[in-house]
Amino acid sequence: PEWVGYMGTSWKVRQLKVTAITMRKDRPIYYTPLAAGLEYACFDILREATFFELAERIAPGFCVDVYIPDYFKWGSGVIFQVRKERAQDEGFQRNILMAALADAPGLRMAIAVDEDVDIYNTEDVMWALESRVDPDKDILKLPRGLRGIAAQPMEVRERGVGGWEGGMAFDATKPFNIAHHFKRPHYPVDKIDLRKWFTERQIKEFRAMQTDYAKTLARMGW
């Protein structure tokens, strides 16, 4: 199995012969031998930092946060959260998206959203894609012929060793000049005390039945 979630191709490589394996008697260190194991989460944190630095180099202070969800399989995608403060900021998100695709071979998807979208919640990101992306203008891609990664099945069709065949970016940010049309409603969740009507046990039971998205909406007041 490969880190992208598919079966990989066998390659002729140098042979490594192991003659002995040692370990600590107390708390031995185990390396997860499976593709996309737990250690990949550590790699994603580092990749998030490098993408954030990339955004800072392009537009200092424009990017608020960066996240690589587990479903992007070791950095094959990235989500940027940005803040547009003036009309001149419009377009920086696209510069960052295209730079990310060019900077990281094998990156299949890059997404930019506004501050009012929770990048750590898949449903909220999907809502932004559904409601803020113009299919004609906001789906971006690089030209073919660039170097990709052979482990991605879609990138072996043209040249057999990994050619660019489908990396895409989604600008799911609000156009600055009409941002007022995209204002999310806010409910006064911070002013409501559920304890006036329900017991602590009932409140706990209600929250246990909530989906992750419902918990996000309840926390943010959306």
N, C-alpha and C. Protein backbone atom coordinates (compact mmCIF):
# COMPACT_ATOMS: atom_id res chain seq x y z
N PRO A 1 0.83 -1.22 0.00
CA PRO A 1 0.00 0.00 0.00
C PRO A 1 0.86 1.26 0.00
N GLU A 2 0.45 2.26 -0.78
CA GLU A 2 1.16 3.54 -0.83
C GLU A 2 0.46 4.55 0.06
N TRP A 3 1.17 5.64 0.34
CA TRP A 3 0.63 6.67 1.24
C TRP A 3 -0.58 7.39 0.65
N VAL A 4 -0.78 7.29 -0.66
CA VAL A 4 -1.93 7.95 -1.28
C VAL A 4 -3.22 7.18 -1.08
N GLY A 5 -3.11 5.95 -0.55
CA GLY A 5 -4.31 5.15 -0.30
C GLY A 5 -4.57 4.10 -1.36
N TYR A 6 -3.63 3.91 -2.31
CA TYR A 6 -3.79 2.91 -3.36
C TYR A 6 -2.63 1.92 -3.31
N MET A 7 -2.80 0.80 -4.00
CA MET A 7 -1.70 -0.15 -4.12
C MET A 7 -0.64 0.43 -5.03
N GLY A 8 0.61 0.31 -4.64
CA GLY A 8 1.69 0.88 -5.43
C GLY A 8 2.25 -0.11 -6.43
N THR A 9 3.21 0.36 -7.22
CA THR A 9 3.89 -0.46 -8.23
C THR A 9 5.22 -0.92 -7.67
N SER A 10 5.60 -2.14 -7.97
CA SER A 10 6.89 -2.65 -7.50
C SER A 10 8.02 -2.04 -8.33
N TRP A 11 9.14 -1.76 -7.67
CA TRP A 11 10.30 -1.18 -8.33
C TRP A 11 11.54 -2.01 -7.98
N LYS A 12 12.48 -2.07 -8.90
CA LYS A 12 13.76 -2.71 -8.61
C LYS A 12 14.63 -1.70 -7.86
N VAL A 13 14.98 -2.06 -6.64
CA VAL A 13 15.78 -1.15 -5.81
C VAL A 13 16.93 -1.93 -5.19
N ARG A 14 17.80 -1.21 -4.52
CA ARG A 14 18.92 -1.86 -3.83
C ARG A 14 18.41 -2.73 -2.69
N GLN A 15 19.07 -3.83 -2.47
CA GLN A 15 18.65 -4.77 -1.43
C GLN A 15 19.33 -4.43 -0.11
N LEU A 16 18.56 -4.42 0.94
CA LEU A 16 19.07 -4.17 2.28
C LEU A 16 18.95 -5.45 3.10
N LYS A 17 20.06 -5.95 3.60
CA LYS A 17 20.06 -7.14 4.44
C LYS A 17 20.28 -6.73 5.89
N VAL A 18 19.36 -7.15 6.75
CA VAL A 18 19.44 -6.83 8.17
C VAL A 18 19.98 -8.05 8.91
N THR A 19 21.03 -7.84 9.67
CA THR A 19 21.65 -8.96 10.40
C THR A 19 21.25 -9.00 11.87
N ALA A 20 20.77 -7.88 12.40
CA ALA A 20 20.37 -7.86 13.81
C ALA A 20 19.45 -6.68 14.07
N ILE A 21 18.56 -6.86 15.02
CA ILE A 21 17.66 -5.79 15.44
C ILE A 21 17.74 -5.69 16.96
N THR A 22 18.03 -4.52 17.44
CA THR A 22 18.09 -4.31 18.89
C THR A 22 17.02 -3.32 19.30
N MET A 23 16.66 -3.34 20.57
CA MET A 23 15.66 -2.41 21.07
C MET A 23 15.87 -2.19 22.56
N ARG A 24 15.30 -1.12 23.05
CA ARG A 24 15.37 -0.85 24.48
C ARG A 24 14.52 -1.86 25.24
N LYS A 25 14.98 -2.28 26.41
CA LYS A 25 14.20 -3.19 27.23
C LYS A 25 12.94 -2.51 27.76
N ASP A 26 13.06 -1.23 28.04
CA ASP A 26 11.94 -0.47 28.57
C ASP A 26 11.43 0.50 27.50
N ARG A 27 10.15 0.46 27.22
CA ARG A 27 9.52 1.34 26.25
C ARG A 27 10.22 1.30 24.88
N PRO A 28 10.23 0.16 24.21
CA PRO A 28 10.86 0.09 22.89
C PRO A 28 10.16 1.01 21.89
N ILE A 29 10.91 1.47 20.93
CA ILE A 29 10.38 2.38 19.91
C ILE A 29 9.87 1.54 18.74
N TYR A 30 8.59 1.66 18.45
CA TYR A 30 7.99 0.93 17.33
C TYR A 30 7.73 1.89 16.18
N TYR A 31 8.16 1.52 15.02
CA TYR A 31 7.88 2.31 13.83
C TYR A 31 6.72 1.65 13.09
N THR A 32 5.66 2.39 12.82
CA THR A 32 4.51 1.80 12.13
C THR A 32 4.90 1.49 10.68
N PRO A 33 4.89 0.23 10.28
CA PRO A 33 5.37 -0.16 8.96
C PRO A 33 4.36 0.05 7.85
N LEU A 34 3.16 0.45 8.17
CA LEU A 34 2.14 0.58 7.15
C LEU A 34 2.20 1.94 6.46
N ALA A 35 1.83 1.97 5.18
CA ALA A 35 1.81 3.23 4.45
C ALA A 35 0.83 4.20 5.10
N ALA A 36 1.21 5.46 5.14
CA ALA A 36 0.37 6.50 5.76
C ALA A 36 0.07 6.17 7.22
N GLY A 37 1.09 5.73 7.94
CA GLY A 37 0.92 5.41 9.35
C GLY A 37 0.88 6.66 10.20
N LEU A 38 0.94 6.46 11.51
CA LEU A 38 0.80 7.57 12.43
C LEU A 38 1.93 8.58 12.29
N GLU A 39 3.12 8.13 11.86
CA GLU A 39 4.24 9.06 11.77
C GLU A 39 4.00 10.13 10.70
N TYR A 40 3.10 9.87 9.78
CA TYR A 40 2.84 10.85 8.73
C TYR A 40 2.19 12.10 9.29
N ALA A 41 1.51 11.97 10.42
CA ALA A 41 0.90 13.14 11.04
C ALA A 41 1.98 14.15 11.42
N CYS A 42 3.15 13.66 11.82
CA CYS A 42 4.26 14.56 12.15
C CYS A 42 4.75 15.28 10.89
N PHE A 43 4.80 14.57 9.77
CA PHE A 43 5.22 15.19 8.53
C PHE A 43 4.26 16.30 8.12
N ASP A 44 2.97 16.06 8.31
CA ASP A 44 1.97 17.05 7.91
C ASP A 44 2.13 18.34 8.69
N ILE A 45 2.48 18.25 9.96
CA ILE A 45 2.68 19.45 10.76
C ILE A 45 3.81 20.29 10.18
N LEU A 46 4.88 19.62 9.76
CA LEU A 46 6.00 20.34 9.16
C LEU A 46 5.61 20.93 7.82
N ARG A 47 4.84 20.20 7.04
CA ARG A 47 4.40 20.72 5.74
C ARG A 47 3.48 21.92 5.92
N GLU A 48 2.64 21.88 6.94
CA GLU A 48 1.79 23.03 7.23
C GLU A 48 2.64 24.27 7.48
N ALA A 49 3.71 24.09 8.23
CA ALA A 49 4.60 25.21 8.53
C ALA A 49 5.27 25.75 7.27
N THR A 50 5.68 24.85 6.38
CA THR A 50 6.34 25.31 5.16
C THR A 50 5.35 26.03 4.24
N PHE A 51 4.11 25.56 4.17
CA PHE A 51 3.11 26.25 3.36
C PHE A 51 2.77 27.62 3.95
N PHE A 52 2.75 27.69 5.28
CA PHE A 52 2.48 28.98 5.92
C PHE A 52 3.62 29.95 5.61
N GLU A 53 4.86 29.46 5.65
CA GLU A 53 5.99 30.32 5.32
C GLU A 53 5.91 30.77 3.86
N LEU A 54 5.51 29.86 2.98
CA LEU A 54 5.35 30.22 1.57
C LEU A 54 4.35 31.36 1.41
N ALA A 55 3.21 31.25 2.11
CA ALA A 55 2.20 32.30 2.05
C ALA A 55 2.72 33.62 2.61
N GLU A 56 3.50 33.54 3.68
CA GLU A 56 4.07 34.75 4.29
C GLU A 56 5.04 35.45 3.35
N ARG A 57 5.78 34.69 2.58
CA ARG A 57 6.72 35.28 1.62
C ARG A 57 5.97 36.02 0.51
N ILE A 58 4.83 35.49 0.14
CA ILE A 58 4.05 36.11 -0.94
C ILE A 58 3.29 37.33 -0.46
N ALA A 59 2.62 37.21 0.69
CA ALA A 59 1.81 38.31 1.23
C ALA A 59 1.87 38.26 2.76
N PRO A 60 2.84 38.94 3.36
CA PRO A 60 2.99 38.90 4.82
C PRO A 60 1.70 39.30 5.55
N GLY A 61 1.29 38.46 6.50
CA GLY A 61 0.11 38.75 7.31
C GLY A 61 -1.21 38.40 6.67
N PHE A 62 -1.20 37.97 5.43
CA PHE A 62 -2.45 37.68 4.71
C PHE A 62 -3.02 36.32 5.11
N CYS A 63 -2.15 35.34 5.26
CA CYS A 63 -2.58 33.98 5.64
C CYS A 63 -2.70 33.90 7.16
N VAL A 64 -3.83 33.40 7.62
CA VAL A 64 -4.09 33.29 9.06
C VAL A 64 -3.72 31.92 9.60
N ASP A 65 -4.01 30.88 8.83
CA ASP A 65 -3.77 29.52 9.31
C ASP A 65 -3.66 28.57 8.12
N VAL A 66 -3.04 27.43 8.35
CA VAL A 66 -2.88 26.40 7.33
C VAL A 66 -3.18 25.04 7.97
N TYR A 67 -3.87 24.20 7.23
CA TYR A 67 -4.22 22.88 7.77
C TYR A 67 -4.16 21.83 6.68
N ILE A 68 -3.60 20.67 7.02
CA ILE A 68 -3.59 19.51 6.13
C ILE A 68 -4.37 18.39 6.81
N PRO A 69 -5.62 18.16 6.42
CA PRO A 69 -6.43 17.11 7.04
C PRO A 69 -5.88 15.72 6.74
N ASP A 70 -6.26 14.75 7.55
CA ASP A 70 -5.79 13.38 7.35
C ASP A 70 -6.20 12.82 6.00
N TYR A 71 -7.37 13.23 5.50
CA TYR A 71 -7.84 12.65 4.25
C TYR A 71 -7.04 13.12 3.04
N PHE A 72 -6.14 14.09 3.23
CA PHE A 72 -5.28 14.51 2.13
C PHE A 72 -4.03 13.65 2.00
N LYS A 73 -3.92 12.62 2.82
CA LYS A 73 -2.88 11.60 2.64
C LYS A 73 -1.47 12.17 2.50
N TRP A 74 -0.88 12.52 3.61
CA TRP A 74 0.49 12.99 3.66
C TRP A 74 0.73 14.20 2.75
N GLY A 75 -0.08 15.19 2.92
CA GLY A 75 0.20 16.44 2.24
C GLY A 75 -0.14 16.47 0.77
N SER A 76 -1.05 15.61 0.30
CA SER A 76 -1.45 15.71 -1.11
C SER A 76 -2.49 16.80 -1.30
N GLY A 77 -2.80 17.52 -0.24
CA GLY A 77 -3.70 18.67 -0.31
C GLY A 77 -3.43 19.60 0.85
N VAL A 78 -3.91 20.83 0.76
CA VAL A 78 -3.69 21.81 1.82
C VAL A 78 -4.81 22.85 1.80
N ILE A 79 -5.16 23.35 2.99
CA ILE A 79 -6.20 24.37 3.11
C ILE A 79 -5.58 25.62 3.73
N PHE A 80 -5.75 26.76 3.06
CA PHE A 80 -5.27 28.05 3.57
C PHE A 80 -6.45 28.86 4.08
N GLN A 81 -6.30 29.45 5.25
CA GLN A 81 -7.29 30.39 5.77
C GLN A 81 -6.68 31.78 5.67
N VAL A 82 -7.38 32.69 4.98
CA VAL A 82 -6.80 34.00 4.71
C VAL A 82 -7.71 35.12 5.21
N ARG A 83 -7.11 36.32 5.29
CA ARG A 83 -7.85 37.49 5.74
C ARG A 83 -7.66 38.63 4.73
N LYS A 84 -8.76 39.03 4.08
CA LYS A 84 -8.72 40.17 3.16
C LYS A 84 -9.15 41.42 3.92
N GLU A 85 -8.26 42.39 4.04
CA GLU A 85 -8.57 43.59 4.80
C GLU A 85 -8.84 44.80 3.91
N ARG A 86 -8.42 44.74 2.67
CA ARG A 86 -8.63 45.85 1.74
C ARG A 86 -8.71 45.30 0.32
N ALA A 87 -9.17 46.14 -0.59
CA ALA A 87 -9.36 45.69 -1.97
C ALA A 87 -8.06 45.21 -2.60
N GLN A 88 -6.95 45.82 -2.20
CA GLN A 88 -5.66 45.44 -2.78
C GLN A 88 -5.24 44.02 -2.42
N ASP A 89 -5.89 43.45 -1.39
CA ASP A 89 -5.56 42.08 -1.00
C ASP A 89 -6.17 41.05 -1.94
N GLU A 90 -7.18 41.44 -2.69
CA GLU A 90 -7.85 40.51 -3.59
C GLU A 90 -6.86 39.94 -4.61
N GLY A 91 -6.81 38.65 -4.69
CA GLY A 91 -5.92 37.98 -5.63
C GLY A 91 -4.72 37.31 -4.99
N PHE A 92 -4.34 37.78 -3.79
CA PHE A 92 -3.21 37.15 -3.11
C PHE A 92 -3.49 35.67 -2.85
N GLN A 93 -4.76 35.34 -2.57
CA GLN A 93 -5.08 33.94 -2.29
C GLN A 93 -4.80 33.06 -3.50
N ARG A 94 -4.98 33.60 -4.69
CA ARG A 94 -4.71 32.82 -5.90
C ARG A 94 -3.20 32.67 -6.12
N ASN A 95 -2.46 33.73 -5.83
CA ASN A 95 -1.00 33.63 -5.92
C ASN A 95 -0.49 32.51 -5.01
N ILE A 96 -1.04 32.46 -3.80
CA ILE A 96 -0.61 31.46 -2.82
C ILE A 96 -1.00 30.06 -3.28
N LEU A 97 -2.21 29.91 -3.78
CA LEU A 97 -2.68 28.60 -4.24
C LEU A 97 -1.81 28.06 -5.37
N MET A 98 -1.53 28.90 -6.36
CA MET A 98 -0.74 28.45 -7.50
C MET A 98 0.71 28.18 -7.10
N ALA A 99 1.22 29.00 -6.18
CA ALA A 99 2.58 28.78 -5.70
C ALA A 99 2.69 27.46 -4.95
N ALA A 100 1.65 27.12 -4.19
CA ALA A 100 1.65 25.86 -3.44
C ALA A 100 1.66 24.67 -4.40
N LEU A 101 0.85 24.72 -5.45
CA LEU A 101 0.82 23.63 -6.42
C LEU A 101 2.17 23.46 -7.10
N ALA A 102 2.81 24.59 -7.43
CA ALA A 102 4.10 24.53 -8.12
C ALA A 102 5.22 24.11 -7.17
N ASP A 103 5.08 24.45 -5.91
CA ASP A 103 6.14 24.21 -4.93
C ASP A 103 6.22 22.76 -4.48
N ALA A 104 5.09 22.05 -4.48
CA ALA A 104 5.05 20.70 -3.90
C ALA A 104 4.61 19.68 -4.94
N PRO A 105 5.54 18.96 -5.57
CA PRO A 105 5.16 17.91 -6.52
C PRO A 105 4.26 16.88 -5.84
N GLY A 106 3.20 16.50 -6.50
CA GLY A 106 2.28 15.54 -5.92
C GLY A 106 1.12 16.18 -5.19
N LEU A 107 1.15 17.49 -5.00
CA LEU A 107 0.03 18.18 -4.37
C LEU A 107 -1.15 18.15 -5.33
N ARG A 108 -2.25 17.58 -4.90
CA ARG A 108 -3.40 17.40 -5.78
C ARG A 108 -4.46 18.47 -5.61
N MET A 109 -4.53 19.06 -4.42
CA MET A 109 -5.60 20.02 -4.17
C MET A 109 -5.14 21.08 -3.18
N ALA A 110 -5.42 22.33 -3.51
CA ALA A 110 -5.16 23.45 -2.60
C ALA A 110 -6.44 24.27 -2.51
N ILE A 111 -6.81 24.65 -1.31
CA ILE A 111 -8.06 25.37 -1.08
C ILE A 111 -7.78 26.62 -0.26
N ALA A 112 -8.42 27.72 -0.61
CA ALA A 112 -8.33 28.95 0.17
C ALA A 112 -9.72 29.34 0.64
N VAL A 113 -9.85 29.64 1.94
CA VAL A 113 -11.13 30.05 2.52
C VAL A 113 -10.90 31.28 3.38
N ASP A 114 -12.01 31.90 3.80
CA ASP A 114 -11.93 33.10 4.63
C ASP A 114 -11.85 32.73 6.11
N GLU A 115 -11.71 33.78 6.94
CA GLU A 115 -11.61 33.58 8.38
C GLU A 115 -12.88 33.02 9.00
N ASP A 116 -14.02 33.25 8.37
CA ASP A 116 -15.28 32.78 8.96
C ASP A 116 -15.57 31.32 8.64
N VAL A 117 -14.59 30.61 8.11
CA VAL A 117 -14.73 29.19 7.81
C VAL A 117 -13.76 28.41 8.70
N ASP A 118 -14.26 27.38 9.36
CA ASP A 118 -13.44 26.55 10.24
C ASP A 118 -12.69 25.53 9.39
N ILE A 119 -11.40 25.75 9.17
CA ILE A 119 -10.64 24.86 8.29
C ILE A 119 -10.41 23.49 8.92
N TYR A 120 -10.68 23.36 10.21
CA TYR A 120 -10.51 22.07 10.88
C TYR A 120 -11.79 21.23 10.85
N ASN A 121 -12.82 21.75 10.19
CA ASN A 121 -14.08 21.04 10.08
C ASN A 121 -14.40 20.81 8.61
N THR A 122 -14.44 19.55 8.20
CA THR A 122 -14.64 19.22 6.79
C THR A 122 -15.95 19.77 6.24
N GLU A 123 -17.02 19.67 7.03
CA GLU A 123 -18.32 20.14 6.56
C GLU A 123 -18.31 21.64 6.28
N ASP A 124 -17.62 22.40 7.12
CA ASP A 124 -17.57 23.84 6.92
C ASP A 124 -16.78 24.20 5.67
N VAL A 125 -15.69 23.47 5.43
CA VAL A 125 -14.90 23.70 4.22
C VAL A 125 -15.71 23.34 2.98
N MET A 126 -16.44 22.23 3.03
CA MET A 126 -17.28 21.84 1.90
C MET A 126 -18.38 22.86 1.66
N TRP A 127 -18.92 23.43 2.73
CA TRP A 127 -19.94 24.47 2.60
C TRP A 127 -19.37 25.68 1.87
N ALA A 128 -18.14 26.05 2.19
CA ALA A 128 -17.49 27.17 1.52
C ALA A 128 -17.27 26.87 0.04
N LEU A 129 -16.86 25.64 -0.27
CA LEU A 129 -16.66 25.26 -1.67
C LEU A 129 -17.97 25.32 -2.44
N GLU A 130 -19.02 24.84 -1.80
CA GLU A 130 -20.33 24.83 -2.47
C GLU A 130 -20.89 26.22 -2.69
N SER A 131 -20.68 27.12 -1.74
CA SER A 131 -21.36 28.41 -1.79
C SER A 131 -20.51 29.58 -2.27
N ARG A 132 -19.18 29.39 -2.39
CA ARG A 132 -18.33 30.54 -2.72
C ARG A 132 -17.43 30.33 -3.93
N VAL A 133 -17.54 29.18 -4.58
CA VAL A 133 -16.70 28.90 -5.73
C VAL A 133 -17.49 29.08 -7.02
N ASP A 134 -16.97 29.93 -7.91
CA ASP A 134 -17.53 30.09 -9.25
C ASP A 134 -16.79 29.10 -10.15
N PRO A 135 -17.47 28.08 -10.68
CA PRO A 135 -16.79 27.06 -11.48
C PRO A 135 -16.01 27.62 -12.66
N ASP A 136 -16.45 28.76 -13.20
CA ASP A 136 -15.78 29.33 -14.37
C ASP A 136 -14.49 30.07 -14.01
N LYS A 137 -14.42 30.63 -12.81
CA LYS A 137 -13.29 31.49 -12.47
C LYS A 137 -12.47 31.03 -11.27
N ASP A 138 -13.05 30.25 -10.39
CA ASP A 138 -12.40 29.98 -9.11
C ASP A 138 -11.76 28.60 -8.99
N ILE A 139 -11.80 27.81 -10.06
CA ILE A 139 -11.11 26.52 -10.06
C ILE A 139 -9.87 26.68 -10.94
N LEU A 140 -8.70 26.61 -10.34
CA LEU A 140 -7.44 26.91 -11.01
C LEU A 140 -6.61 25.64 -11.16
N LYS A 141 -5.76 25.63 -12.17
CA LYS A 141 -4.85 24.49 -12.34
C LYS A 141 -3.61 24.93 -13.10
N LEU A 142 -2.54 24.18 -12.92
CA LEU A 142 -1.29 24.45 -13.62
C LEU A 142 -1.29 23.72 -14.96
N PRO A 143 -0.41 24.12 -15.88
CA PRO A 143 -0.36 23.44 -17.17
C PRO A 143 0.18 22.02 -17.04
N ARG A 144 -0.14 21.19 -18.00
CA ARG A 144 0.37 19.82 -18.02
C ARG A 144 1.86 19.81 -18.33
N GLY A 145 2.48 18.67 -18.11
CA GLY A 145 3.88 18.52 -18.45
C GLY A 145 4.83 18.79 -17.31
N LEU A 146 4.31 19.25 -16.16
CA LEU A 146 5.17 19.46 -15.01
C LEU A 146 5.44 18.12 -14.32
N ARG A 147 6.41 18.12 -13.43
CA ARG A 147 6.79 16.88 -12.76
C ARG A 147 5.92 16.63 -11.55
N GLY A 148 5.33 15.44 -11.48
CA GLY A 148 4.50 15.07 -10.35
C GLY A 148 5.14 13.95 -9.56
N ILE A 149 4.33 13.10 -8.96
CA ILE A 149 4.82 11.95 -8.18
C ILE A 149 4.16 10.69 -8.71
N ALA A 150 4.97 9.69 -9.03
CA ALA A 150 4.45 8.48 -9.65
C ALA A 150 3.50 7.71 -8.76
N ALA A 151 3.55 7.92 -7.45
CA ALA A 151 2.65 7.20 -6.54
C ALA A 151 1.20 7.61 -6.72
N GLN A 152 0.97 8.78 -7.32
CA GLN A 152 -0.39 9.21 -7.59
C GLN A 152 -0.87 8.54 -8.89
N PRO A 153 -1.89 7.69 -8.83
CA PRO A 153 -2.33 6.95 -10.02
C PRO A 153 -2.67 7.84 -11.22
N MET A 154 -3.21 9.02 -10.98
CA MET A 154 -3.60 9.90 -12.08
C MET A 154 -2.39 10.53 -12.77
N GLU A 155 -1.21 10.39 -12.20
CA GLU A 155 -0.05 11.08 -12.74
C GLU A 155 0.91 10.17 -13.50
N VAL A 156 0.46 8.99 -13.88
CA VAL A 156 1.35 8.08 -14.61
C VAL A 156 0.82 7.79 -16.01
N ARG A 157 -0.20 8.47 -16.43
CA ARG A 157 -0.85 8.12 -17.70
C ARG A 157 -0.06 8.61 -18.90
N GLU A 158 0.51 9.81 -18.82
CA GLU A 158 1.15 10.38 -19.99
C GLU A 158 2.57 9.86 -20.21
N ARG A 159 3.37 9.91 -19.13
CA ARG A 159 4.78 9.57 -19.30
C ARG A 159 5.20 8.33 -18.53
N GLY A 160 4.32 7.83 -17.68
CA GLY A 160 4.61 6.61 -16.96
C GLY A 160 5.45 6.76 -15.71
N VAL A 161 6.01 7.94 -15.48
CA VAL A 161 6.86 8.13 -14.31
C VAL A 161 6.36 9.25 -13.42
N GLY A 162 5.22 9.78 -13.70
CA GLY A 162 4.69 10.85 -12.87
C GLY A 162 4.72 12.18 -13.58
N GLY A 163 3.66 12.49 -14.28
CA GLY A 163 3.54 13.78 -14.95
C GLY A 163 2.33 14.50 -14.40
N TRP A 164 2.32 15.81 -14.49
CA TRP A 164 1.22 16.58 -13.89
C TRP A 164 -0.07 16.32 -14.64
N GLU A 165 -1.08 15.77 -13.94
CA GLU A 165 -2.32 15.43 -14.62
C GLU A 165 -3.54 15.70 -13.76
N GLY A 166 -3.65 16.85 -13.15
CA GLY A 166 -4.90 17.11 -12.48
C GLY A 166 -4.86 17.85 -11.17
N GLY A 167 -3.70 18.33 -10.72
CA GLY A 167 -3.68 19.13 -9.51
C GLY A 167 -4.56 20.37 -9.69
N MET A 168 -5.33 20.73 -8.69
CA MET A 168 -6.26 21.85 -8.84
C MET A 168 -6.35 22.66 -7.56
N ALA A 169 -6.73 23.91 -7.73
CA ALA A 169 -6.88 24.82 -6.59
C ALA A 169 -8.27 25.42 -6.62
N PHE A 170 -8.84 25.63 -5.44
CA PHE A 170 -10.17 26.20 -5.31
C PHE A 170 -10.09 27.50 -4.51
N ASP A 171 -10.49 28.59 -5.15
CA ASP A 171 -10.58 29.86 -4.45
C ASP A 171 -11.98 29.97 -3.87
N ALA A 172 -12.13 29.56 -2.61
CA ALA A 172 -13.44 29.58 -1.94
C ALA A 172 -13.54 30.77 -1.00
N THR A 173 -12.92 31.88 -1.39
CA THR A 173 -12.99 33.10 -0.57
C THR A 173 -14.06 34.03 -1.12
N LYS A 174 -14.54 34.92 -0.28
CA LYS A 174 -15.54 35.90 -0.69
C LYS A 174 -14.88 36.99 -1.53
N PRO A 175 -15.45 37.35 -2.69
CA PRO A 175 -14.92 38.50 -3.44
C PRO A 175 -15.01 39.75 -2.56
N PHE A 176 -13.92 40.48 -2.44
CA PHE A 176 -13.88 41.58 -1.48
C PHE A 176 -14.95 42.64 -1.76
N ASN A 177 -15.19 42.92 -3.03
CA ASN A 177 -16.11 44.01 -3.37
C ASN A 177 -17.58 43.67 -3.11
N ILE A 178 -17.89 42.39 -2.93
CA ILE A 178 -19.28 42.01 -2.62
C ILE A 178 -19.32 41.10 -1.39
N ALA A 179 -18.34 41.26 -0.51
CA ALA A 179 -18.25 40.39 0.67
C ALA A 179 -19.47 40.50 1.57
N HIS A 180 -20.17 41.65 1.52
CA HIS A 180 -21.34 41.82 2.38
C HIS A 180 -22.47 40.85 2.03
N HIS A 181 -22.44 40.32 0.82
CA HIS A 181 -23.47 39.35 0.43
C HIS A 181 -23.22 37.97 1.06
N PHE A 182 -22.04 37.77 1.63
CA PHE A 182 -21.66 36.47 2.16
C PHE A 182 -21.56 36.48 3.69
N LYS A 183 -22.21 37.41 4.34
CA LYS A 183 -22.13 37.49 5.79
C LYS A 183 -22.89 36.34 6.44
N ARG A 184 -22.22 35.60 7.28
CA ARG A 184 -22.86 34.48 7.97
C ARG A 184 -23.71 34.99 9.13
N PRO A 185 -24.88 34.42 9.33
CA PRO A 185 -25.71 34.82 10.47
C PRO A 185 -25.05 34.37 11.77
N HIS A 186 -25.21 35.16 12.79
CA HIS A 186 -24.63 34.81 14.09
C HIS A 186 -25.70 34.78 15.15
N TYR A 187 -25.80 33.65 15.82
CA TYR A 187 -26.77 33.50 16.90
C TYR A 187 -26.06 33.74 18.24
N PRO A 188 -26.74 34.37 19.19
CA PRO A 188 -26.10 34.75 20.46
C PRO A 188 -25.87 33.57 21.40
N VAL A 189 -25.06 32.63 20.95
CA VAL A 189 -24.83 31.44 21.77
C VAL A 189 -24.10 31.78 23.07
N ASP A 190 -23.35 32.88 23.06
CA ASP A 190 -22.61 33.26 24.26
C ASP A 190 -23.51 33.89 25.32
N LYS A 191 -24.74 34.23 24.94
CA LYS A 191 -25.66 34.87 25.89
C LYS A 191 -26.73 33.91 26.40
N ILE A 192 -26.74 32.70 25.89
CA ILE A 192 -27.76 31.72 26.28
C ILE A 192 -27.20 30.76 27.32
N ASP A 193 -27.87 30.66 28.44
CA ASP A 193 -27.47 29.74 29.50
C ASP A 193 -28.44 28.57 29.52
N LEU A 194 -28.03 27.45 28.96
CA LEU A 194 -28.90 26.28 28.87
C LEU A 194 -29.28 25.73 30.24
N ARG A 195 -28.52 26.07 31.25
CA ARG A 195 -28.79 25.55 32.59
C ARG A 195 -30.09 26.11 33.18
N LYS A 196 -30.62 27.13 32.57
CA LYS A 196 -31.89 27.68 33.04
C LYS A 196 -33.06 26.76 32.72
N TRP A 197 -32.88 25.92 31.70
CA TRP A 197 -33.98 25.06 31.26
C TRP A 197 -33.66 23.56 31.37
N PHE A 198 -32.36 23.22 31.36
CA PHE A 198 -31.98 21.81 31.35
C PHE A 198 -30.97 21.52 32.46
N THR A 199 -30.93 20.27 32.86
CA THR A 199 -29.94 19.84 33.85
C THR A 199 -28.60 19.60 33.15
N GLU A 200 -27.54 19.49 33.94
CA GLU A 200 -26.22 19.23 33.37
C GLU A 200 -26.21 17.89 32.63
N ARG A 201 -26.93 16.93 33.16
CA ARG A 201 -26.97 15.62 32.52
C ARG A 201 -27.67 15.70 31.16
N GLN A 202 -28.76 16.45 31.09
CA GLN A 202 -29.48 16.59 29.82
C GLN A 202 -28.61 17.32 28.79
N ILE A 203 -27.93 18.36 29.22
CA ILE A 203 -27.06 19.10 28.31
C ILE A 203 -25.96 18.18 27.77
N LYS A 204 -25.39 17.38 28.64
CA LYS A 204 -24.34 16.45 28.23
C LYS A 204 -24.88 15.44 27.23
N GLU A 205 -26.10 14.96 27.45
CA GLU A 205 -26.70 13.99 26.53
C GLU A 205 -26.99 14.63 25.18
N PHE A 206 -27.47 15.87 25.17
CA PHE A 206 -27.74 16.57 23.92
C PHE A 206 -26.45 16.72 23.11
N ARG A 207 -25.39 17.16 23.77
CA ARG A 207 -24.13 17.40 23.08
C ARG A 207 -23.50 16.11 22.57
N ALA A 208 -23.76 15.02 23.27
CA ALA A 208 -23.23 13.72 22.83
C ALA A 208 -23.87 13.27 21.53
N MET A 209 -25.08 13.74 21.26
CA MET A 209 -25.79 13.36 20.04
C MET A 209 -25.45 14.27 18.86
N GLN A 210 -24.75 15.37 19.12
CA GLN A 210 -24.42 16.31 18.05
C GLN A 210 -23.31 15.75 17.15
N THR A 211 -23.40 16.07 15.88
CA THR A 211 -22.31 15.75 14.96
C THR A 211 -21.19 16.76 15.18
N ASP A 212 -20.02 16.50 14.60
CA ASP A 212 -18.91 17.44 14.74
C ASP A 212 -19.27 18.80 14.15
N TYR A 213 -20.01 18.77 13.04
CA TYR A 213 -20.39 20.03 12.41
C TYR A 213 -21.35 20.80 13.30
N ALA A 214 -22.29 20.10 13.91
CA ALA A 214 -23.24 20.76 14.81
C ALA A 214 -22.51 21.38 15.99
N LYS A 215 -21.49 20.70 16.49
CA LYS A 215 -20.71 21.25 17.59
C LYS A 215 -19.98 22.52 17.17
N THR A 216 -19.47 22.52 15.93
CA THR A 216 -18.80 23.72 15.42
C THR A 216 -19.77 24.88 15.30
N LEU A 217 -20.94 24.61 14.74
CA LEU A 217 -21.95 25.67 14.59
C LEU A 217 -22.38 26.20 15.94
N ALA A 218 -22.55 25.31 16.90
CA ALA A 218 -22.97 25.73 18.24
C ALA A 218 -21.90 26.56 18.92
N ARG A 219 -20.65 26.18 18.72
CA ARG A 219 -19.55 26.90 19.35
C ARG A 219 -19.35 28.29 18.75
N MET A 220 -19.48 28.38 17.42
CA MET A 220 -19.24 29.65 16.73
C MET A 220 -20.48 30.53 16.65
N GLY A 221 -21.67 29.93 16.84
CA GLY A 221 -22.90 30.70 16.74
C GLY A 221 -23.38 30.89 15.32
N TRP A 222 -22.95 30.01 14.40
CA TRP A 222 -23.36 30.13 13.01
C TRP A 222 -24.66 29.37 12.76
